[in-house]
Amino acid sequence: MQGLLGTTLILLAACSLAAMATAAFRVPALLGYLSVGVVLGPSVIGVIAPGETLSFLSELGVALLLFMIGLEFSLGDFWLARRTVLMAGALQMIAVAPPLILVLMWLGQPGQSAALLGTAAAMSSTALVSRQLADQGELTTRHGRSAIAVLVFQDLASVPLLALLAIWARGESPKIEHVLLEVFGVLLLFAAAALASRRLLHGLLGWVARRGHEESFVLVSLCVVVAAAAAAHAVGVSAALGAFLAGMVLGESDFRHHMESHLRPFRDVLSGVFFVTIGLQLDAAQILSAPLAVLAWLVVLVPVKILLNTLALRATRLSALDAWRTGIALGHGGEFALLLLGTVLQQHLIPATVVQPMLVALVLSMALAPLLIRHHDVLARFLSRTGGVIQPPQAEEVEIAAQTTRYRDHVIVCGAGELGLPVSEILRHAGVAHLLLEADAQKVEAARAAGAPVFHGDASRPDTLLAAGLTHAHLVVLTFAHAQQALRIAQAIAERRPALTLWVSCRSTTAADAFRAMPNVRVYQQSFAAAIGLAEQVMSTLGMSTELIEGRISAMRRRLDSSRFPGSS
């Protein structure tokens, strides 16, 4: 008991330090957890060794991780974008996996291990890419939509891969009929889970949620994950795959976000244990003795994969610039690949001398991914110019240019969301010539239904702004929630029309200061405007006169303007 407590204390302390360090350097936490496993494992200090307890906790962590990935997978969104998903995703997998498989076979790997390693290398991190693109405000851009489409296909492709791994782990020969039978079993399990979800789980979760017992909801949610994993294991399917399918089924329910917020702490802790157990199995001496193997895999996972991704996406009629952006965003390894390789390593299905360098390179590529995605635009433009590619106009830009030839001295409103649409309505009733640019197809439809002059286009592309008449515009209004996206657009506009007036709506003081440093940019800070409006309503409720309220508000505006307080310019 004393030894177990001491081991737990060391593990928790090391993981805490690793989590803080990775957060400080803005790299994925899994890099820190793997490092903890390597350092504390048998190959370095030897404080902790793989055991049944850690193995069980890591399996539970994997189940929770894949359940959460399944929750984020929307069957409805997949069906709406099925053509894009199937075309872009299939082309990416075909362009990346087969060449890697052939090279591995040429290097002497058996067919089944080459297939597993090559396909695993083709996958990217759904969580990492979607989070980084969301932070940058690029999920609705053309390259953002393409990246998500490829990632959705990769999530679906993991089903036969996990089925193949389950067959292989049982010592059976992974023939095509065995794989098809396993996939058929998975589909039956998915159908049963969907039926149980509609008839049983939705009712149970609804009943618990209505009673407001948070602890009960957390425990029931954990029961759902474990039950799905146990059911899958009972029918001979991967437990992690069962949890993933359960997440997909419940991803369409009203409880998706509720479950996600409650289970996230458990997922983070237990999936951290999984990454630690992978680190425990890595032999530091063996890795250090084969740096060229690690470097070779890193080259495959980043530059080679970026190139193959880009070539595949060009075949989907994506522009060279957007194809490079998407290819760079996907140029790294993913969680499914870690799961596959970790399982292979645990069950000794492929020699450790082959798997370990790839695992290390996989983790390093994921550590590089946020940096690459953050600077993908600069890299993509450089690579496009290096390749001597002349960017053809997109179909959307051609359509916008054709319909806006009559516009002169107009206002371009970028974004048709909760700010852009009301601004458009007021301008329309005032008789001001204007148009809206919006990349999100659903928002475009909603704006058209409201009678707004909206065009489907990505305002972060300078060519789209030029097609919308930037050369003849009177001013531009940016209404994006993401400051980085708005800042990139503002800089692009300043390069082409330095004297053009630009109004920017932003939320944070930091963003407001960045925009104020630019000439001809006027800032509307939402928090300041909301504070002024709220204070006005409070004073009105207290019975103050209109004259007194207006005087107080005007005095506040003047004071804030003179001190350059976040608010107005």
Protein backbone atom coordinates (compact mmCIF):
# COMPACT_ATOMS: atom_id res chain seq x y z
CA MET A 1 0.00 0.00 0.00
CA GLN A 2 2.81 2.40 0.97
CA GLY A 3 4.64 1.64 -2.26
CA LEU A 4 1.51 2.22 -4.34
CA LEU A 5 0.88 5.59 -2.67
CA GLY A 6 4.47 6.65 -3.25
CA THR A 7 4.32 5.64 -6.90
CA THR A 8 1.02 7.50 -7.33
CA LEU A 9 2.49 10.63 -5.72
CA ILE A 10 5.55 10.56 -7.99
CA LEU A 11 3.39 9.99 -11.07
CA LEU A 12 0.93 12.80 -10.23
CA ALA A 13 3.71 15.26 -9.36
CA ALA A 14 5.63 14.50 -12.56
CA CYS A 15 2.49 14.75 -14.72
CA SER A 16 1.54 18.06 -13.06
CA LEU A 17 4.96 19.53 -13.83
CA ALA A 18 4.81 18.18 -17.38
CA ALA A 19 1.34 19.67 -17.94
CA MET A 20 2.48 23.09 -16.69
CA ALA A 21 5.64 22.98 -18.82
CA THR A 22 3.81 22.04 -22.01
CA ALA A 23 1.19 24.74 -21.36
CA ALA A 24 3.95 27.33 -20.92
CA PHE A 25 5.57 26.34 -24.23
CA ARG A 26 2.17 25.93 -25.96
CA VAL A 27 2.77 22.35 -27.08
CA PRO A 28 0.38 19.38 -26.67
CA ALA A 29 0.29 17.97 -23.14
CA LEU A 30 0.75 14.43 -24.47
CA LEU A 31 4.39 15.31 -25.23
CA GLY A 32 4.92 15.94 -21.53
CA TYR A 33 3.10 12.76 -20.47
CA LEU A 34 5.16 10.62 -22.83
CA SER A 35 8.34 12.22 -21.50
CA VAL A 36 7.21 11.40 -17.95
CA GLY A 37 6.74 7.77 -18.97
CA VAL A 38 10.18 7.57 -20.57
CA VAL A 39 12.00 9.25 -17.67
CA LEU A 40 10.21 7.36 -14.87
CA GLY A 41 10.17 4.07 -16.80
CA PRO A 42 12.56 1.12 -16.74
CA SER A 43 14.88 2.55 -19.40
CA VAL A 44 15.90 5.65 -17.35
CA ILE A 45 15.11 6.02 -13.62
CA GLY A 46 13.06 2.86 -13.21
CA VAL A 47 10.67 4.25 -10.57
CA ILE A 48 7.55 2.98 -12.36
CA ALA A 49 7.04 -0.16 -14.40
CA PRO A 50 4.08 -1.14 -16.59
CA GLY A 51 1.49 -3.08 -14.58
CA GLU A 52 -2.13 -4.19 -14.57
CA THR A 53 -3.39 -1.11 -12.70
CA LEU A 54 -1.76 1.36 -15.08
CA SER A 55 -2.82 -0.74 -18.05
CA PHE A 56 -6.46 -0.73 -16.92
CA LEU A 57 -6.46 3.03 -16.27
CA SER A 58 -4.85 3.68 -19.66
CA GLU A 59 -7.50 1.58 -21.44
CA LEU A 60 -10.20 3.54 -19.63
CA GLY A 61 -8.47 6.75 -20.69
CA VAL A 62 -8.41 5.64 -24.32
CA ALA A 63 -12.11 4.76 -24.13
CA LEU A 64 -12.92 8.23 -22.75
CA LEU A 65 -10.69 9.92 -25.33
CA LEU A 66 -12.39 8.17 -28.25
CA PHE A 67 -15.83 8.66 -26.71
CA MET A 68 -15.17 12.42 -26.64
CA ILE A 69 -13.92 12.36 -30.24
CA GLY A 70 -17.12 10.53 -31.15
CA LEU A 71 -19.19 13.19 -29.35
CA GLU A 72 -17.61 15.88 -31.53
CA PHE A 73 -18.40 13.87 -34.67
CA SER A 74 -21.73 15.05 -36.08
CA LEU A 75 -23.52 12.55 -38.31
CA GLY A 76 -25.79 15.37 -39.49
CA ASP A 77 -22.87 17.55 -40.52
CA PHE A 78 -21.23 14.56 -42.19
CA TRP A 79 -24.34 13.88 -44.25
CA LEU A 80 -24.59 17.51 -45.35
CA ALA A 81 -20.92 17.58 -46.39
CA ARG A 82 -20.67 13.93 -47.46
CA ARG A 83 -19.40 14.65 -50.98
CA THR A 84 -16.61 16.90 -49.75
CA VAL A 85 -15.72 14.51 -46.92
CA LEU A 86 -15.64 11.43 -49.11
CA MET A 87 -13.77 13.06 -51.99
CA ALA A 88 -11.20 15.07 -50.03
CA GLY A 89 -10.73 12.41 -47.36
CA ALA A 90 -10.42 9.50 -49.75
CA LEU A 91 -7.97 11.34 -52.00
CA GLN A 92 -5.82 12.31 -49.00
CA MET A 93 -5.68 8.74 -47.69
CA ILE A 94 -4.99 7.35 -51.18
CA ALA A 95 -2.24 9.91 -51.80
CA VAL A 96 -0.47 9.39 -48.47
CA ALA A 97 -0.99 5.80 -47.24
CA PRO A 98 -0.20 3.63 -50.34
CA PRO A 99 3.17 5.28 -51.14
CA LEU A 100 4.25 4.87 -47.50
CA ILE A 101 3.07 1.25 -47.45
CA LEU A 102 5.03 0.46 -50.63
CA VAL A 103 8.19 2.09 -49.25
CA LEU A 104 7.87 0.14 -45.99
CA MET A 105 7.41 -3.13 -47.88
CA TRP A 106 10.43 -2.27 -50.03
CA LEU A 107 12.40 -1.76 -46.79
CA GLY A 108 11.47 -5.28 -45.71
CA GLN A 109 8.35 -4.85 -43.58
CA PRO A 110 5.65 -7.57 -43.92
CA GLY A 111 2.51 -6.49 -45.73
CA GLN A 112 0.23 -6.28 -42.67
CA SER A 113 2.66 -4.24 -40.55
CA ALA A 114 3.44 -1.97 -43.52
CA ALA A 115 -0.29 -1.41 -44.07
CA LEU A 116 -0.85 -0.54 -40.42
CA LEU A 117 2.16 1.78 -40.12
CA GLY A 118 1.53 3.50 -43.45
CA THR A 119 -2.14 4.14 -42.77
CA ALA A 120 -1.43 5.30 -39.21
CA ALA A 121 1.11 7.80 -40.58
CA ALA A 122 -1.54 9.21 -42.94
CA MET A 123 -3.78 10.26 -40.04
CA SER A 124 -3.78 13.64 -38.29
CA SER A 125 -5.13 14.96 -34.99
CA THR A 126 -8.79 16.00 -35.16
CA ALA A 127 -8.70 17.64 -31.72
CA LEU A 128 -5.48 19.55 -32.36
CA VAL A 129 -6.39 20.89 -35.81
CA SER A 130 -9.99 21.83 -34.98
CA ARG A 131 -8.94 23.58 -31.76
CA GLN A 132 -6.12 25.55 -33.41
CA LEU A 133 -8.21 26.56 -36.43
CA ALA A 134 -11.06 27.61 -34.10
CA ASP A 135 -8.64 29.73 -32.06
CA GLN A 136 -7.51 31.40 -35.29
CA GLY A 137 -11.08 31.88 -36.54
CA GLU A 138 -10.49 29.72 -39.62
CA LEU A 139 -12.95 26.85 -39.25
CA THR A 140 -15.30 28.35 -41.85
CA THR A 141 -12.58 29.30 -44.35
CA ARG A 142 -12.08 27.21 -47.46
CA HIS A 143 -8.95 25.53 -46.11
CA GLY A 144 -10.58 25.09 -42.69
CA ARG A 145 -13.58 23.29 -44.17
CA SER A 146 -11.27 21.10 -46.29
CA ALA A 147 -9.14 20.16 -43.27
CA ILE A 148 -12.19 19.20 -41.20
CA ALA A 149 -13.57 17.14 -44.12
CA VAL A 150 -10.33 15.13 -44.32
CA LEU A 151 -10.27 14.62 -40.55
CA VAL A 152 -13.86 13.37 -40.53
CA PHE A 153 -12.94 10.80 -43.19
CA GLN A 154 -9.91 9.74 -41.16
CA ASP A 155 -12.12 9.21 -38.09
CA LEU A 156 -14.36 6.95 -40.18
CA ALA A 157 -11.34 5.13 -41.62
CA SER A 158 -10.22 4.27 -38.10
CA VAL A 159 -13.14 1.80 -37.81
CA PRO A 160 -11.69 -0.85 -40.20
CA LEU A 161 -8.19 -0.14 -38.87
CA LEU A 162 -9.21 -0.88 -35.29
CA ALA A 163 -11.07 -3.96 -36.55
CA LEU A 164 -7.91 -5.11 -38.36
CA LEU A 165 -5.88 -4.57 -35.21
CA ALA A 166 -8.34 -6.62 -33.12
CA ILE A 167 -8.06 -9.56 -35.57
CA TRP A 168 -4.29 -9.33 -35.60
CA ALA A 169 -4.09 -9.18 -31.79
CA ARG A 170 -6.08 -12.44 -31.58
CA GLY A 171 -3.36 -14.12 -33.62
CA GLU A 172 -5.57 -14.60 -36.66
CA SER A 173 -4.52 -13.95 -40.23
CA PRO A 174 -6.07 -10.59 -41.24
CA LYS A 175 -7.67 -11.74 -44.47
CA ILE A 176 -10.10 -9.46 -46.26
CA GLU A 177 -13.12 -11.60 -45.34
CA HIS A 178 -12.12 -11.43 -41.67
CA VAL A 179 -11.83 -7.66 -41.82
CA LEU A 180 -15.20 -7.35 -43.59
CA LEU A 181 -16.79 -9.62 -41.00
CA GLU A 182 -15.31 -7.53 -38.21
CA VAL A 183 -16.54 -4.29 -39.83
CA PHE A 184 -19.99 -5.86 -40.27
CA GLY A 185 -19.97 -6.65 -36.55
CA VAL A 186 -19.04 -3.04 -35.83
CA LEU A 187 -21.94 -1.80 -37.97
CA LEU A 188 -24.33 -4.10 -36.11
CA LEU A 189 -22.95 -2.80 -32.83
CA PHE A 190 -23.43 0.77 -34.06
CA ALA A 191 -27.03 0.04 -35.08
CA ALA A 192 -27.72 -1.53 -31.68
CA ALA A 193 -26.14 1.46 -29.94
CA ALA A 194 -28.23 3.88 -32.02
CA LEU A 195 -31.42 1.98 -31.17
CA ALA A 196 -30.52 1.80 -27.48
CA SER A 197 -29.65 5.49 -27.51
CA ARG A 198 -33.03 6.54 -28.84
CA ARG A 199 -35.10 4.22 -26.71
CA LEU A 200 -33.07 4.07 -23.51
CA LEU A 201 -30.10 6.40 -23.17
CA HIS A 202 -31.86 9.61 -24.18
CA GLY A 203 -34.64 8.88 -21.71
CA LEU A 204 -32.23 7.95 -18.92
CA LEU A 205 -29.96 10.95 -19.45
CA GLY A 206 -32.95 13.27 -19.74
CA TRP A 207 -34.45 11.91 -16.53
CA VAL A 208 -31.16 12.41 -14.64
CA ALA A 209 -30.52 15.87 -16.14
CA ARG A 210 -34.01 17.14 -15.25
CA ARG A 211 -33.42 16.34 -11.59
CA GLY A 212 -30.34 18.54 -11.54
CA HIS A 213 -28.10 16.00 -9.81
CA GLU A 214 -24.69 16.78 -11.31
CA GLU A 215 -22.96 13.86 -9.57
CA SER A 216 -25.58 11.44 -10.88
CA PHE A 217 -25.19 12.77 -14.42
CA VAL A 218 -21.40 12.36 -14.27
CA LEU A 219 -21.68 8.80 -12.95
CA VAL A 220 -24.32 7.83 -15.53
CA SER A 221 -22.14 9.31 -18.30
CA LEU A 222 -19.15 7.28 -17.11
CA CYS A 223 -21.38 4.19 -16.99
CA VAL A 224 -22.35 4.78 -20.63
CA VAL A 225 -18.68 4.92 -21.70
CA VAL A 226 -17.68 1.81 -19.76
CA ALA A 227 -20.81 -0.09 -20.85
CA ALA A 228 -20.12 0.70 -24.52
CA ALA A 229 -16.50 -0.42 -24.15
CA ALA A 230 -17.54 -3.60 -22.32
CA ALA A 231 -20.23 -4.44 -24.90
CA ALA A 232 -17.74 -4.03 -27.74
CA HIS A 233 -15.17 -6.17 -25.95
CA ALA A 234 -17.80 -8.86 -25.29
CA VAL A 235 -18.54 -9.25 -29.01
CA GLY A 236 -14.84 -9.32 -29.93
CA VAL A 237 -14.53 -5.70 -31.05
CA SER A 238 -12.03 -3.16 -29.71
CA ALA A 239 -13.30 -1.59 -26.47
CA ALA A 240 -12.03 1.81 -27.63
CA LEU A 241 -14.00 1.45 -30.86
CA GLY A 242 -17.15 0.70 -28.86
CA ALA A 243 -16.68 3.91 -26.88
CA PHE A 244 -16.09 5.86 -30.12
CA LEU A 245 -19.33 4.54 -31.65
CA ALA A 246 -21.26 5.37 -28.47
CA GLY A 247 -19.91 8.92 -28.67
CA MET A 248 -20.99 9.21 -32.31
CA VAL A 249 -24.51 8.09 -31.40
CA LEU A 250 -24.83 10.51 -28.48
CA GLY A 251 -23.20 13.31 -30.47
CA GLU A 252 -26.60 14.04 -32.02
CA SER A 253 -28.36 14.25 -28.64
CA ASP A 254 -29.24 17.31 -26.55
CA PHE A 255 -26.79 16.13 -23.88
CA ARG A 256 -23.68 16.28 -26.03
CA HIS A 257 -22.20 19.47 -24.57
CA HIS A 258 -23.34 18.60 -21.05
CA MET A 259 -21.55 15.25 -21.18
CA GLU A 260 -18.49 16.76 -22.82
CA SER A 261 -18.01 19.37 -20.08
CA HIS A 262 -18.50 16.84 -17.27
CA LEU A 263 -16.28 14.11 -18.70
CA ARG A 264 -13.42 16.32 -19.90
CA PRO A 265 -11.49 16.26 -16.57
CA PHE A 266 -11.70 12.44 -16.45
CA ARG A 267 -10.60 12.21 -20.08
CA ASP A 268 -7.64 14.54 -19.56
CA VAL A 269 -6.36 12.66 -16.51
CA LEU A 270 -6.93 9.11 -17.73
CA SER A 271 -5.77 9.72 -21.31
CA GLY A 272 -2.66 11.22 -19.70
CA VAL A 273 -2.15 7.85 -17.98
CA PHE A 274 -2.41 6.20 -21.42
CA PHE A 275 0.35 8.40 -22.83
CA VAL A 276 2.47 7.74 -19.73
CA THR A 277 2.11 3.97 -20.28
CA ILE A 278 3.27 4.39 -23.87
CA GLY A 279 6.28 6.30 -22.57
CA LEU A 280 7.02 3.50 -20.09
CA GLN A 281 7.39 1.10 -23.01
CA LEU A 282 9.83 3.31 -24.89
CA ASP A 283 13.49 2.42 -24.52
CA ALA A 284 15.48 5.66 -24.27
CA ALA A 285 18.77 3.93 -25.12
CA GLN A 286 17.26 2.30 -28.19
CA ILE A 287 15.79 5.61 -29.38
CA LEU A 288 19.05 7.50 -28.81
CA SER A 289 20.93 4.82 -30.72
CA ALA A 290 18.69 5.30 -33.77
CA PRO A 291 18.29 9.08 -34.25
CA LEU A 292 18.29 8.70 -38.03
CA ALA A 293 15.21 6.46 -37.86
CA VAL A 294 13.38 9.08 -35.77
CA LEU A 295 14.47 11.83 -38.17
CA ALA A 296 13.38 9.77 -41.19
CA TRP A 297 9.90 9.26 -39.73
CA LEU A 298 9.69 12.95 -38.82
CA VAL A 299 10.51 13.87 -42.42
CA VAL A 300 7.76 11.50 -43.59
CA LEU A 301 5.19 12.83 -41.11
CA VAL A 302 5.81 16.53 -41.76
CA PRO A 303 7.34 17.68 -45.11
CA VAL A 304 6.56 14.55 -47.15
CA LYS A 305 3.05 14.30 -45.75
CA ILE A 306 2.43 18.02 -46.34
CA LEU A 307 3.46 17.61 -49.99
CA LEU A 308 1.27 14.52 -50.52
CA ASN A 309 -1.66 16.18 -48.73
CA THR A 310 -1.37 19.22 -50.98
CA LEU A 311 -1.22 17.17 -54.18
CA ALA A 312 -4.32 15.24 -53.12
CA LEU A 313 -6.26 18.40 -52.24
CA ARG A 314 -5.35 20.04 -55.54
CA ALA A 315 -7.26 17.20 -57.18
CA THR A 316 -10.40 18.43 -55.36
CA ARG A 317 -10.13 21.70 -57.34
CA LEU A 318 -8.90 23.58 -54.31
CA SER A 319 -6.62 26.50 -55.18
CA ALA A 320 -2.89 25.94 -54.76
CA LEU A 321 -2.75 28.39 -51.85
CA ASP A 322 -5.64 26.78 -49.96
CA ALA A 323 -4.33 23.29 -50.76
CA TRP A 324 -0.97 24.22 -49.23
CA ARG A 325 -2.72 25.74 -46.19
CA THR A 326 -4.74 22.56 -45.67
CA GLY A 327 -1.77 20.30 -46.35
CA ILE A 328 0.32 22.13 -43.75
CA ALA A 329 -2.50 21.99 -41.19
CA LEU A 330 -2.64 18.19 -41.62
CA GLY A 331 1.14 17.65 -41.66
CA HIS A 332 1.53 15.74 -38.39
CA GLY A 333 0.44 12.55 -36.61
CA GLY A 334 -2.78 11.99 -34.68
CA GLU A 335 -4.39 10.35 -31.66
CA PHE A 336 -5.62 7.34 -33.61
CA ALA A 337 -2.08 6.68 -34.82
CA LEU A 338 -0.83 6.88 -31.23
CA LEU A 339 -3.53 4.45 -30.15
CA LEU A 340 -2.70 2.00 -32.94
CA LEU A 341 1.05 2.13 -32.35
CA GLY A 342 0.65 1.98 -28.58
CA THR A 343 -1.47 -1.16 -28.89
CA VAL A 344 0.98 -2.68 -31.36
CA LEU A 345 3.83 -1.99 -28.95
CA GLN A 346 1.97 -3.40 -25.93
CA GLN A 347 1.05 -6.62 -27.72
CA HIS A 348 4.42 -7.00 -29.50
CA LEU A 349 2.77 -7.24 -32.93
CA ILE A 350 5.63 -5.36 -34.63
CA PRO A 351 9.25 -5.25 -33.39
CA ALA A 352 9.88 -2.41 -30.94
CA THR A 353 12.89 -1.30 -33.00
CA VAL A 354 10.44 -0.38 -35.78
CA VAL A 355 7.59 1.09 -33.72
CA GLN A 356 9.52 3.16 -31.18
CA PRO A 357 11.22 5.60 -33.61
CA MET A 358 7.89 6.17 -35.34
CA LEU A 359 6.15 6.82 -32.01
CA VAL A 360 8.75 9.41 -31.03
CA ALA A 361 8.53 11.10 -34.45
CA LEU A 362 4.73 11.05 -34.21
CA VAL A 363 4.81 12.91 -30.90
CA LEU A 364 7.39 15.41 -32.17
CA SER A 365 5.23 16.10 -35.23
CA MET A 366 2.24 16.80 -32.96
CA ALA A 367 4.40 19.17 -30.91
CA LEU A 368 5.28 21.05 -34.13
CA ALA A 369 1.69 21.10 -35.40
CA PRO A 370 0.39 24.19 -33.50
CA LEU A 371 3.37 26.21 -34.73
CA LEU A 372 2.87 25.07 -38.33
CA ILE A 373 -0.88 25.78 -38.26
CA ARG A 374 -0.27 29.19 -36.68
CA HIS A 375 2.04 30.16 -39.55
CA HIS A 376 0.47 28.12 -42.34
CA ASP A 377 -0.50 31.20 -44.34
CA VAL A 378 3.09 32.51 -44.57
CA LEU A 379 4.40 29.03 -45.41
CA ALA A 380 1.67 28.41 -47.98
CA ARG A 381 2.33 31.71 -49.76
CA PHE A 382 6.07 31.01 -49.82
CA LEU A 383 5.56 27.47 -51.18
CA SER A 384 3.04 28.70 -53.78
CA ARG A 385 5.48 31.34 -55.03
CA THR A 386 8.36 28.87 -54.97
CA GLY A 387 6.34 26.51 -57.11
CA GLY A 388 5.65 29.29 -59.58
CA VAL A 389 1.91 28.84 -59.27
CA ILE A 390 -0.40 31.57 -60.51
CA GLN A 391 -3.52 31.57 -58.36
CA PRO A 392 -6.66 31.19 -60.50
CA PRO A 393 -9.76 32.98 -59.23
CA GLN A 394 -12.15 30.80 -57.23
CA ALA A 395 -15.66 30.20 -58.57
CA GLU A 396 -17.08 32.16 -55.62
CA GLU A 397 -14.83 35.13 -56.42
CA VAL A 398 -15.85 35.09 -60.08
CA GLU A 399 -19.51 35.13 -59.03
CA ILE A 400 -18.97 37.97 -56.54
CA ALA A 401 -17.07 40.06 -59.11
CA ALA A 402 -19.81 39.54 -61.72
CA GLN A 403 -22.55 40.70 -59.34
CA THR A 404 -20.76 43.66 -57.77
CA THR A 405 -19.60 45.56 -60.86
CA ARG A 406 -22.16 48.32 -60.18
CA TYR A 407 -20.97 48.94 -56.61
CA ARG A 408 -19.13 52.25 -55.99
CA ASP A 409 -18.44 54.01 -52.66
CA HIS A 410 -20.08 51.10 -50.90
CA VAL A 411 -19.52 49.47 -47.52
CA ILE A 412 -18.10 45.94 -47.30
CA VAL A 413 -19.25 44.15 -44.15
CA CYS A 414 -17.13 41.08 -43.41
CA GLY A 415 -19.14 38.51 -41.50
CA ALA A 416 -22.90 37.88 -41.51
CA GLY A 417 -23.21 36.74 -37.90
CA GLU A 418 -24.83 38.27 -34.85
CA LEU A 419 -23.11 41.63 -35.48
CA GLY A 420 -22.79 41.78 -39.24
CA LEU A 421 -26.43 41.00 -40.02
CA PRO A 422 -27.94 43.76 -37.81
CA VAL A 423 -25.40 46.26 -39.20
CA SER A 424 -26.48 45.27 -42.71
CA GLU A 425 -30.16 45.67 -41.85
CA ILE A 426 -29.62 49.19 -40.50
CA LEU A 427 -27.53 50.18 -43.53
CA ARG A 428 -30.17 48.73 -45.86
CA HIS A 429 -32.99 50.73 -44.26
CA ALA A 430 -30.79 53.84 -44.38
CA GLY A 431 -30.28 53.35 -48.11
CA VAL A 432 -26.51 52.80 -47.85
CA ALA A 433 -25.02 50.66 -50.62
CA HIS A 434 -23.27 47.70 -49.02
CA LEU A 435 -22.66 43.97 -49.22
CA LEU A 436 -21.76 41.20 -46.79
CA LEU A 437 -19.10 38.52 -47.17
CA GLU A 438 -19.56 35.27 -45.25
CA ALA A 439 -17.74 31.92 -45.53
CA ASP A 440 -20.27 29.88 -43.52
CA ALA A 441 -22.92 28.49 -45.90
CA GLN A 442 -25.58 28.28 -43.17
CA LYS A 443 -25.09 31.93 -42.21
CA VAL A 444 -25.27 32.88 -45.89
CA GLU A 445 -28.65 31.16 -46.23
CA ALA A 446 -29.94 32.83 -43.06
CA ALA A 447 -28.78 36.26 -44.26
CA ARG A 448 -30.38 35.77 -47.68
CA ALA A 449 -33.63 34.75 -46.00
CA ALA A 450 -33.46 38.04 -44.07
CA GLY A 451 -33.06 39.95 -47.34
CA ALA A 452 -29.42 40.93 -46.84
CA PRO A 453 -27.12 41.45 -49.88
CA VAL A 454 -24.79 38.62 -48.86
CA PHE A 455 -22.22 36.73 -50.91
CA HIS A 456 -20.62 33.40 -50.10
CA GLY A 457 -16.91 34.15 -49.90
CA ASP A 458 -13.89 33.99 -47.63
CA ALA A 459 -13.04 37.54 -46.56
CA SER A 460 -9.61 36.42 -45.33
CA ARG A 461 -8.61 36.03 -48.98
CA PRO A 462 -7.47 39.34 -50.52
CA ASP A 463 -8.80 38.17 -53.91
CA THR A 464 -12.29 37.83 -52.42
CA LEU A 465 -12.14 41.38 -51.07
CA LEU A 466 -10.96 42.67 -54.45
CA ALA A 467 -13.80 40.80 -56.15
CA ALA A 468 -16.22 42.51 -53.73
CA GLY A 469 -15.01 45.91 -54.96
CA LEU A 470 -12.37 46.78 -52.36
CA THR A 471 -10.76 49.16 -54.87
CA HIS A 472 -13.93 51.32 -54.99
CA ALA A 473 -15.25 50.78 -51.44
CA HIS A 474 -15.92 53.70 -49.07
CA LEU A 475 -15.12 51.70 -45.94
CA VAL A 476 -14.89 48.15 -44.60
CA VAL A 477 -16.46 46.75 -41.42
CA LEU A 478 -14.97 43.66 -39.73
CA THR A 479 -17.33 41.83 -37.37
CA PHE A 480 -15.38 38.64 -36.68
CA ALA A 481 -15.23 37.22 -33.16
CA HIS A 482 -11.65 36.06 -33.66
CA ALA A 483 -9.14 38.88 -33.35
CA GLN A 484 -6.36 37.07 -35.25
CA GLN A 485 -8.58 36.56 -38.27
CA ALA A 486 -9.68 40.22 -38.24
CA LEU A 487 -6.07 41.39 -37.83
CA ARG A 488 -4.93 39.40 -40.88
CA ILE A 489 -7.73 40.89 -42.97
CA ALA A 490 -6.98 44.41 -41.71
CA GLN A 491 -3.32 44.02 -42.67
CA ALA A 492 -4.26 42.70 -46.12
CA ILE A 493 -6.59 45.69 -46.67
CA ALA A 494 -3.94 48.15 -45.45
CA GLU A 495 -1.47 46.75 -48.01
CA ARG A 496 -3.89 47.34 -50.89
CA ARG A 497 -5.69 50.52 -49.78
CA PRO A 498 -3.75 52.24 -47.00
CA ALA A 499 -6.09 55.26 -46.86
CA LEU A 500 -9.32 53.25 -46.61
CA THR A 501 -11.26 53.64 -43.36
CA LEU A 502 -11.72 50.37 -41.50
CA TRP A 503 -14.11 49.74 -38.60
CA VAL A 504 -13.27 46.72 -36.43
CA SER A 505 -15.40 45.12 -33.75
CA CYS A 506 -13.36 43.33 -31.09
CA ARG A 507 -13.74 42.01 -27.58
CA SER A 508 -10.39 42.13 -25.81
CA THR A 509 -8.24 45.09 -24.78
CA THR A 510 -5.15 43.46 -26.30
CA ALA A 511 -6.84 43.16 -29.69
CA ALA A 512 -8.14 46.73 -29.48
CA ASP A 513 -4.63 48.06 -28.82
CA ALA A 514 -3.25 46.08 -31.77
CA PHE A 515 -5.85 47.59 -34.11
CA ARG A 516 -5.34 51.14 -32.77
CA ALA A 517 -1.69 50.88 -33.74
CA MET A 518 -2.79 50.67 -37.39
CA PRO A 519 -3.58 53.86 -39.34
CA ASN A 520 -7.17 54.55 -40.44
CA VAL A 521 -8.55 51.80 -38.21
CA ARG A 522 -11.39 52.64 -35.83
CA VAL A 523 -12.20 50.28 -32.99
CA TYR A 524 -15.57 49.34 -31.57
CA GLN A 525 -14.91 47.37 -28.40
CA GLN A 526 -17.91 45.26 -27.49
CA SER A 527 -17.21 45.08 -23.76
CA PHE A 528 -17.06 48.89 -23.47
CA ALA A 529 -20.21 49.36 -25.53
CA ALA A 530 -22.03 46.75 -23.45
CA ALA A 531 -20.89 48.45 -20.22
CA ILE A 532 -22.16 51.83 -21.42
CA GLY A 533 -25.49 50.31 -22.49
CA LEU A 534 -25.91 48.43 -19.22
CA ALA A 535 -25.07 51.51 -17.13
CA GLU A 536 -27.64 53.49 -19.11
CA GLN A 537 -30.34 50.88 -18.42
CA VAL A 538 -29.43 50.73 -14.71
CA MET A 539 -29.68 54.52 -14.34
CA SER A 540 -33.00 54.51 -16.19
CA THR A 541 -34.33 51.82 -13.85
CA LEU A 542 -33.24 53.94 -10.87
CA GLY A 543 -35.48 56.73 -12.16
CA MET A 544 -32.81 59.19 -13.30
CA SER A 545 -33.81 61.75 -15.90
CA THR A 546 -32.90 61.33 -19.56
CA GLU A 547 -30.78 64.52 -19.46
CA LEU A 548 -28.79 63.28 -16.46
CA ILE A 549 -28.24 59.86 -18.04
CA GLU A 550 -27.04 61.37 -21.33
CA GLY A 551 -24.73 63.72 -19.45
CA ARG A 552 -23.17 60.93 -17.42
CA ILE A 553 -22.72 58.71 -20.47
CA SER A 554 -21.19 61.54 -22.52
CA ALA A 555 -18.79 62.40 -19.69
CA MET A 556 -17.74 58.78 -19.44
CA ARG A 557 -17.13 58.56 -23.19
CA ARG A 558 -15.01 61.73 -23.16
CA ARG A 559 -12.97 60.54 -20.20
CA LEU A 560 -12.33 57.16 -21.76
CA ASP A 561 -11.47 58.68 -25.14
CA SER A 562 -8.99 61.12 -23.62
CA SER A 563 -7.22 58.38 -21.66
CA ARG A 564 -7.37 55.97 -24.61
CA PHE A 565 -9.26 53.54 -22.44
CA PRO A 566 -10.41 50.44 -24.38
CA GLY A 567 -13.46 51.54 -26.22
CA SER A 568 -13.49 54.11 -28.93
CA SER A 569 -11.04 55.83 -31.22
